Amino acid sequence: MTDKNEHSIATFAALKTAIANNEEQSIKELLANQPMQALEKSYLIDLAKLSNNRTIITLLEDITVKE
């Protein structure tokens, strides 16, 4: 596994935790305007919808998808 993949996995795990804890500022910092895979984005949006936090859902919907 490369450092980039390890960072991506760690970031994804941190995003899941921040979403579950409704930590909007942490999510903003973790996203840092970096694109992500469509499947990851979809999963995180579904997770955010469980807590119905509109701000977090919007943050995730605005993420650019990697080609």
PDB file of N, CA and C in Angstrom:
ATOM      1  N   MET A   1       0.828  -1.171   0.000  1.00  0.00           N
ATOM      2  CA  MET A   1       0.000   0.000   0.000  1.00  0.00           C
ATOM      3  C   MET A   1       0.881   1.246   0.000  1.00  0.00           C
ATOM      4  N   THR A   2       0.505   2.233  -0.776  1.00  0.00           N
ATOM      5  CA  THR A   2       1.312   3.449  -0.826  1.00  0.00           C
ATOM      6  C   THR A   2       0.889   4.405   0.275  1.00  0.00           C
ATOM      7  N   ASP A   3       1.728   5.403   0.514  1.00  0.00           N
ATOM      8  CA  ASP A   3       1.392   6.420   1.521  1.00  0.00           C
ATOM      9  C   ASP A   3       0.104   7.143   1.150  1.00  0.00           C
ATOM     10  N   LYS A   4      -0.088   7.373  -0.148  1.00  0.00           N
ATOM     11  CA  LYS A   4      -1.291   8.070  -0.610  1.00  0.00           C
ATOM     12  C   LYS A   4      -2.543   7.262  -0.267  1.00  0.00           C
ATOM     13  N   ASN A   5      -2.520   5.953  -0.513  1.00  0.00           N
ATOM     14  CA  ASN A   5      -3.668   5.104  -0.194  1.00  0.00           C
ATOM     15  C   ASN A   5      -3.918   5.056   1.305  1.00  0.00           C
ATOM     16  N   GLU A   6      -2.853   4.976   2.091  1.00  0.00           N
ATOM     17  CA  GLU A   6      -3.001   4.938   3.540  1.00  0.00           C
ATOM     18  C   GLU A   6      -3.613   6.237   4.032  1.00  0.00           C
ATOM     19  N   HIS A   7      -3.188   7.356   3.460  1.00  0.00           N
ATOM     20  CA  HIS A   7      -3.741   8.655   3.837  1.00  0.00           C
ATOM     21  C   HIS A   7      -5.216   8.718   3.458  1.00  0.00           C
ATOM     22  N   SER A   8      -5.558   8.225   2.296  1.00  0.00           N
ATOM     23  CA  SER A   8      -6.945   8.239   1.844  1.00  0.00           C
ATOM     24  C   SER A   8      -7.828   7.400   2.756  1.00  0.00           C
ATOM     25  N   ILE A   9      -7.351   6.234   3.150  1.00  0.00           N
ATOM     26  CA  ILE A   9      -8.112   5.360   4.035  1.00  0.00           C
ATOM     27  C   ILE A   9      -8.285   6.019   5.401  1.00  0.00           C
ATOM     28  N   ALA A  10      -7.222   6.616   5.916  1.00  0.00           N
ATOM     29  CA  ALA A  10      -7.300   7.290   7.212  1.00  0.00           C
ATOM     30  C   ALA A  10      -8.238   8.486   7.148  1.00  0.00           C
ATOM     31  N   THR A  11      -8.170   9.246   6.070  1.00  0.00           N
ATOM     32  CA  THR A  11      -9.051  10.398   5.901  1.00  0.00           C
ATOM     33  C   THR A  11     -10.502   9.956   5.800  1.00  0.00           C
ATOM     34  N   PHE A  12     -10.760   8.900   5.055  1.00  0.00           N
ATOM     35  CA  PHE A  12     -12.119   8.385   4.901  1.00  0.00           C
ATOM     36  C   PHE A  12     -12.670   7.929   6.252  1.00  0.00           C
ATOM     37  N   ALA A  13     -11.865   7.235   7.021  1.00  0.00           N
ATOM     38  CA  ALA A  13     -12.283   6.785   8.352  1.00  0.00           C
ATOM     39  C   ALA A  13     -12.564   7.988   9.262  1.00  0.00           C
ATOM     40  N   ALA A  14     -11.709   8.984   9.190  1.00  0.00           N
ATOM     41  CA  ALA A  14     -11.910  10.188  10.004  1.00  0.00           C
ATOM     42  C   ALA A  14     -13.178  10.927   9.581  1.00  0.00           C
ATOM     43  N   LEU A  15     -13.446  10.963   8.279  1.00  0.00           N
ATOM     44  CA  LEU A  15     -14.669  11.591   7.786  1.00  0.00           C
ATOM     45  C   LEU A  15     -15.910  10.872   8.310  1.00  0.00           C
ATOM     46  N   LYS A  16     -15.884   9.546   8.282  1.00  0.00           N
ATOM     47  CA  LYS A  16     -17.025   8.777   8.791  1.00  0.00           C
ATOM     48  C   LYS A  16     -17.282   9.105  10.261  1.00  0.00           C
ATOM     49  N   THR A  17     -16.216   9.167  11.047  1.00  0.00           N
ATOM     50  CA  THR A  17     -16.348   9.468  12.472  1.00  0.00           C
ATOM     51  C   THR A  17     -16.877  10.885  12.676  1.00  0.00           C
ATOM     52  N   ALA A  18     -16.333  11.839  11.944  1.00  0.00           N
ATOM     53  CA  ALA A  18     -16.765  13.235  12.075  1.00  0.00           C
ATOM     54  C   ALA A  18     -18.235  13.398  11.681  1.00  0.00           C
ATOM     55  N   ILE A  19     -18.661  12.693  10.646  1.00  0.00           N
ATOM     56  CA  ILE A  19     -20.064  12.747  10.229  1.00  0.00           C
ATOM     57  C   ILE A  19     -20.954  12.163  11.313  1.00  0.00           C
ATOM     58  N   ALA A  20     -20.566  11.024  11.854  1.00  0.00           N
ATOM     59  CA  ALA A  20     -21.355  10.377  12.909  1.00  0.00           C
ATOM     60  C   ALA A  20     -21.459  11.265  14.149  1.00  0.00           C
ATOM     61  N   ASN A  21     -20.433  12.069  14.404  1.00  0.00           N
ATOM     62  CA  ASN A  21     -20.415  12.951  15.575  1.00  0.00           C
ATOM     63  C   ASN A  21     -20.893  14.368  15.270  1.00  0.00           C
ATOM     64  N   ASN A  22     -21.356  14.608  14.040  1.00  0.00           N
ATOM     65  CA  ASN A  22     -21.833  15.939  13.613  1.00  0.00           C
ATOM     66  C   ASN A  22     -20.789  17.032  13.822  1.00  0.00           C
ATOM     67  N   GLU A  23     -19.543  16.744  13.473  1.00  0.00           N
ATOM     68  CA  GLU A  23     -18.437  17.688  13.646  1.00  0.00           C
ATOM     69  C   GLU A  23     -18.186  18.433  12.328  1.00  0.00           C
ATOM     70  N   GLU A  24     -18.964  19.478  12.103  1.00  0.00           N
ATOM     71  CA  GLU A  24     -18.913  20.204  10.834  1.00  0.00           C
ATOM     72  C   GLU A  24     -17.524  20.754  10.518  1.00  0.00           C
ATOM     73  N   GLN A  25     -16.870  21.366  11.497  1.00  0.00           N
ATOM     74  CA  GLN A  25     -15.555  21.957  11.247  1.00  0.00           C
ATOM     75  C   GLN A  25     -14.520  20.890  10.884  1.00  0.00           C
ATOM     76  N   SER A  26     -14.552  19.769  11.550  1.00  0.00           N
ATOM     77  CA  SER A  26     -13.626  18.678  11.227  1.00  0.00           C
ATOM     78  C   SER A  26     -13.844  18.187   9.800  1.00  0.00           C
ATOM     79  N   ILE A  27     -15.094  18.101   9.403  1.00  0.00           N
ATOM     80  CA  ILE A  27     -15.416  17.645   8.043  1.00  0.00           C
ATOM     81  C   ILE A  27     -14.862  18.620   7.020  1.00  0.00           C
ATOM     82  N   LYS A  28     -15.046  19.919   7.264  1.00  0.00           N
ATOM     83  CA  LYS A  28     -14.510  20.935   6.344  1.00  0.00           C
ATOM     84  C   LYS A  28     -13.001  20.784   6.201  1.00  0.00           C
ATOM     85  N   GLU A  29     -12.322  20.587   7.317  1.00  0.00           N
ATOM     86  CA  GLU A  29     -10.863  20.451   7.294  1.00  0.00           C
ATOM     87  C   GLU A  29     -10.429  19.175   6.575  1.00  0.00           C
ATOM     88  N   LEU A  30     -11.143  18.087   6.802  1.00  0.00           N
ATOM     89  CA  LEU A  30     -10.770  16.810   6.183  1.00  0.00           C
ATOM     90  C   LEU A  30     -11.024  16.814   4.677  1.00  0.00           C
ATOM     91  N   LEU A  31     -12.081  17.494   4.260  1.00  0.00           N
ATOM     92  CA  LEU A  31     -12.394  17.529   2.829  1.00  0.00           C
ATOM     93  C   LEU A  31     -11.386  18.371   2.066  1.00  0.00           C
ATOM     94  N   ALA A  32     -11.051  19.538   2.587  1.00  0.00           N
ATOM     95  CA  ALA A  32     -10.029  20.423   2.018  1.00  0.00           C
ATOM     96  C   ALA A  32     -10.085  20.513   0.492  1.00  0.00           C
ATOM     97  N   ASN A  33     -11.281  20.584  -0.054  1.00  0.00           N
ATOM     98  CA  ASN A  33     -11.493  20.742  -1.497  1.00  0.00           C
ATOM     99  C   ASN A  33     -10.792  19.686  -2.345  1.00  0.00           C
ATOM    100  N   GLN A  34     -10.676  18.483  -1.821  1.00  0.00           N
ATOM    101  CA  GLN A  34     -10.053  17.403  -2.581  1.00  0.00           C
ATOM    102  C   GLN A  34     -11.136  16.495  -3.147  1.00  0.00           C
ATOM    103  N   PRO A  35     -10.984  16.083  -4.399  1.00  0.00           N
ATOM    104  CA  PRO A  35     -11.987  15.194  -5.001  1.00  0.00           C
ATOM    105  C   PRO A  35     -11.952  13.803  -4.379  1.00  0.00           C
ATOM    106  N   MET A  36     -13.061  13.071  -4.526  1.00  0.00           N
ATOM    107  CA  MET A  36     -13.107  11.702  -4.028  1.00  0.00           C
ATOM    108  C   MET A  36     -13.890  10.834  -5.007  1.00  0.00           C
ATOM    109  N   GLN A  37     -13.798   9.558  -4.816  1.00  0.00           N
ATOM    110  CA  GLN A  37     -14.501   8.603  -5.667  1.00  0.00           C
ATOM    111  C   GLN A  37     -16.013   8.747  -5.457  1.00  0.00           C
ATOM    112  N   ALA A  38     -16.777   8.509  -6.519  1.00  0.00           N
ATOM    113  CA  ALA A  38     -18.235   8.645  -6.463  1.00  0.00           C
ATOM    114  C   ALA A  38     -18.852   7.732  -5.409  1.00  0.00           C
ATOM    115  N   LEU A  39     -18.350   6.513  -5.295  1.00  0.00           N
ATOM    116  CA  LEU A  39     -18.894   5.570  -4.325  1.00  0.00           C
ATOM    117  C   LEU A  39     -18.659   6.044  -2.889  1.00  0.00           C
ATOM    118  N   GLU A  40     -17.459   6.575  -2.628  1.00  0.00           N
ATOM    119  CA  GLU A  40     -17.157   7.109  -1.299  1.00  0.00           C
ATOM    120  C   GLU A  40     -18.077   8.278  -0.979  1.00  0.00           C
ATOM    121  N   LYS A  41     -18.234   9.175  -1.941  1.00  0.00           N
ATOM    122  CA  LYS A  41     -19.086  10.345  -1.762  1.00  0.00           C
ATOM    123  C   LYS A  41     -20.520   9.923  -1.459  1.00  0.00           C
ATOM    124  N   SER A  42     -21.029   8.996  -2.231  1.00  0.00           N
ATOM    125  CA  SER A  42     -22.396   8.513  -2.041  1.00  0.00           C
ATOM    126  C   SER A  42     -22.574   7.901  -0.648  1.00  0.00           C
ATOM    127  N   TYR A  43     -21.616   7.102  -0.222  1.00  0.00           N
ATOM    128  CA  TYR A  43     -21.670   6.465   1.100  1.00  0.00           C
ATOM    129  C   TYR A  43     -21.700   7.520   2.206  1.00  0.00           C
ATOM    130  N   LEU A  44     -20.820   8.521   2.105  1.00  0.00           N
ATOM    131  CA  LEU A  44     -20.750   9.550   3.133  1.00  0.00           C
ATOM    132  C   LEU A  44     -22.026  10.386   3.184  1.00  0.00           C
ATOM    133  N   ILE A  45     -22.606  10.664   2.027  1.00  0.00           N
ATOM    134  CA  ILE A  45     -23.875  11.407   1.989  1.00  0.00           C
ATOM    135  C   ILE A  45     -24.977  10.584   2.660  1.00  0.00           C
ATOM    136  N   ASP A  46     -25.032   9.300   2.360  1.00  0.00           N
ATOM    137  CA  ASP A  46     -26.029   8.435   3.005  1.00  0.00           C
ATOM    138  C   ASP A  46     -25.836   8.413   4.523  1.00  0.00           C
ATOM    139  N   LEU A  47     -24.598   8.375   4.961  1.00  0.00           N
ATOM    140  CA  LEU A  47     -24.295   8.384   6.387  1.00  0.00           C
ATOM    141  C   LEU A  47     -24.753   9.704   7.023  1.00  0.00           C
ATOM    142  N   ALA A  48     -24.489  10.801   6.340  1.00  0.00           N
ATOM    143  CA  ALA A  48     -24.887  12.114   6.854  1.00  0.00           C
ATOM    144  C   ALA A  48     -26.408  12.252   6.919  1.00  0.00           C
ATOM    145  N   LYS A  49     -27.102  11.635   5.989  1.00  0.00           N
ATOM    146  CA  LYS A  49     -28.564  11.714   5.987  1.00  0.00           C
ATOM    147  C   LYS A  49     -29.175  11.022   7.205  1.00  0.00           C
ATOM    148  N   LEU A  50     -28.463  10.085   7.799  1.00  0.00           N
ATOM    149  CA  LEU A  50     -28.968   9.424   9.003  1.00  0.00           C
ATOM    150  C   LEU A  50     -29.153  10.403  10.164  1.00  0.00           C
ATOM    151  N   SER A  51     -28.262  11.392  10.254  1.00  0.00           N
ATOM    152  CA  SER A  51     -28.379  12.385  11.317  1.00  0.00           C
ATOM    153  C   SER A  51     -29.130  13.637  10.847  1.00  0.00           C
ATOM    154  N   ASN A  52     -29.411  13.690   9.561  1.00  0.00           N
ATOM    155  CA  ASN A  52     -30.202  14.776   8.972  1.00  0.00           C
ATOM    156  C   ASN A  52     -29.599  16.160   9.227  1.00  0.00           C
ATOM    157  N   ASN A  53     -28.263  16.256   9.195  1.00  0.00           N
ATOM    158  CA  ASN A  53     -27.592  17.539   9.357  1.00  0.00           C
ATOM    159  C   ASN A  53     -27.400  18.134   7.968  1.00  0.00           C
ATOM    160  N   ARG A  54     -28.234  19.108   7.629  1.00  0.00           N
ATOM    161  CA  ARG A  54     -28.259  19.695   6.287  1.00  0.00           C
ATOM    162  C   ARG A  54     -26.919  20.323   5.910  1.00  0.00           C
ATOM    163  N   THR A  55     -26.231  20.928   6.846  1.00  0.00           N
ATOM    164  CA  THR A  55     -24.933  21.558   6.560  1.00  0.00           C
ATOM    165  C   THR A  55     -23.919  20.509   6.110  1.00  0.00           C
ATOM    166  N   ILE A  56     -23.853  19.410   6.824  1.00  0.00           N
ATOM    167  CA  ILE A  56     -22.909  18.351   6.472  1.00  0.00           C
ATOM    168  C   ILE A  56     -23.284  17.717   5.139  1.00  0.00           C
ATOM    169  N   ILE A  57     -24.565  17.497   4.921  1.00  0.00           N
ATOM    170  CA  ILE A  57     -25.016  16.919   3.652  1.00  0.00           C
ATOM    171  C   ILE A  57     -24.603  17.827   2.493  1.00  0.00           C
ATOM    172  N   THR A  58     -24.796  19.126   2.657  1.00  0.00           N
ATOM    173  CA  THR A  58     -24.420  20.075   1.609  1.00  0.00           C
ATOM    174  C   THR A  58     -22.916  20.076   1.369  1.00  0.00           C
ATOM    175  N   LEU A  59     -22.126  20.040   2.434  1.00  0.00           N
ATOM    176  CA  LEU A  59     -20.663  19.983   2.296  1.00  0.00           C
ATOM    177  C   LEU A  59     -20.262  18.779   1.442  1.00  0.00           C
ATOM    178  N   LEU A  60     -20.871  17.645   1.723  1.00  0.00           N
ATOM    179  CA  LEU A  60     -20.532  16.418   0.999  1.00  0.00           C
ATOM    180  C   LEU A  60     -21.033  16.450  -0.440  1.00  0.00           C
ATOM    181  N   GLU A  61     -22.200  16.995  -0.660  1.00  0.00           N
ATOM    182  CA  GLU A  61     -22.743  17.072  -2.023  1.00  0.00           C
ATOM    183  C   GLU A  61     -21.891  17.956  -2.920  1.00  0.00           C
ATOM    184  N   ASP A  62     -21.204  18.932  -2.318  1.00  0.00           N
ATOM    185  CA  ASP A  62     -20.374  19.873  -3.086  1.00  0.00           C
ATOM    186  C   ASP A  62     -19.000  19.312  -3.452  1.00  0.00           C
ATOM    187  N   ILE A  63     -18.652  18.140  -2.956  1.00  0.00           N
ATOM    188  CA  ILE A  63     -17.349  17.544  -3.253  1.00  0.00           C
ATOM    189  C   ILE A  63     -17.261  17.177  -4.737  1.00  0.00           C
ATOM    190  N   THR A  64     -16.126  17.475  -5.336  1.00  0.00           N
ATOM    191  CA  THR A  64     -15.856  17.091  -6.712  1.00  0.00           C
ATOM    192  C   THR A  64     -15.570  15.600  -6.768  1.00  0.00           C
ATOM    193  N   VAL A  65     -16.098  14.944  -7.814  1.00  0.00           N
ATOM    194  CA  VAL A  65     -15.891  13.500  -7.985  1.00  0.00           C
ATOM    195  C   VAL A  65     -14.679  13.277  -8.891  1.00  0.00           C
ATOM    196  N   LYS A  66     -13.802  12.337  -8.480  1.00  0.00           N
ATOM    197  CA  LYS A  66     -12.642  11.967  -9.313  1.00  0.00           C
ATOM    198  C   LYS A  66     -13.121  11.273 -10.568  1.00  0.00           C
ATOM    199  N   GLU A  67     -12.468  11.576 -11.662  1.00  0.00           N
ATOM    200  CA  GLU A  67     -12.771  10.940 -12.947  1.00  0.00           C
ATOM    201  C   GLU A  67     -12.149   9.576 -13.024  1.00  0.00           C
TER     202      GLU A  67
END
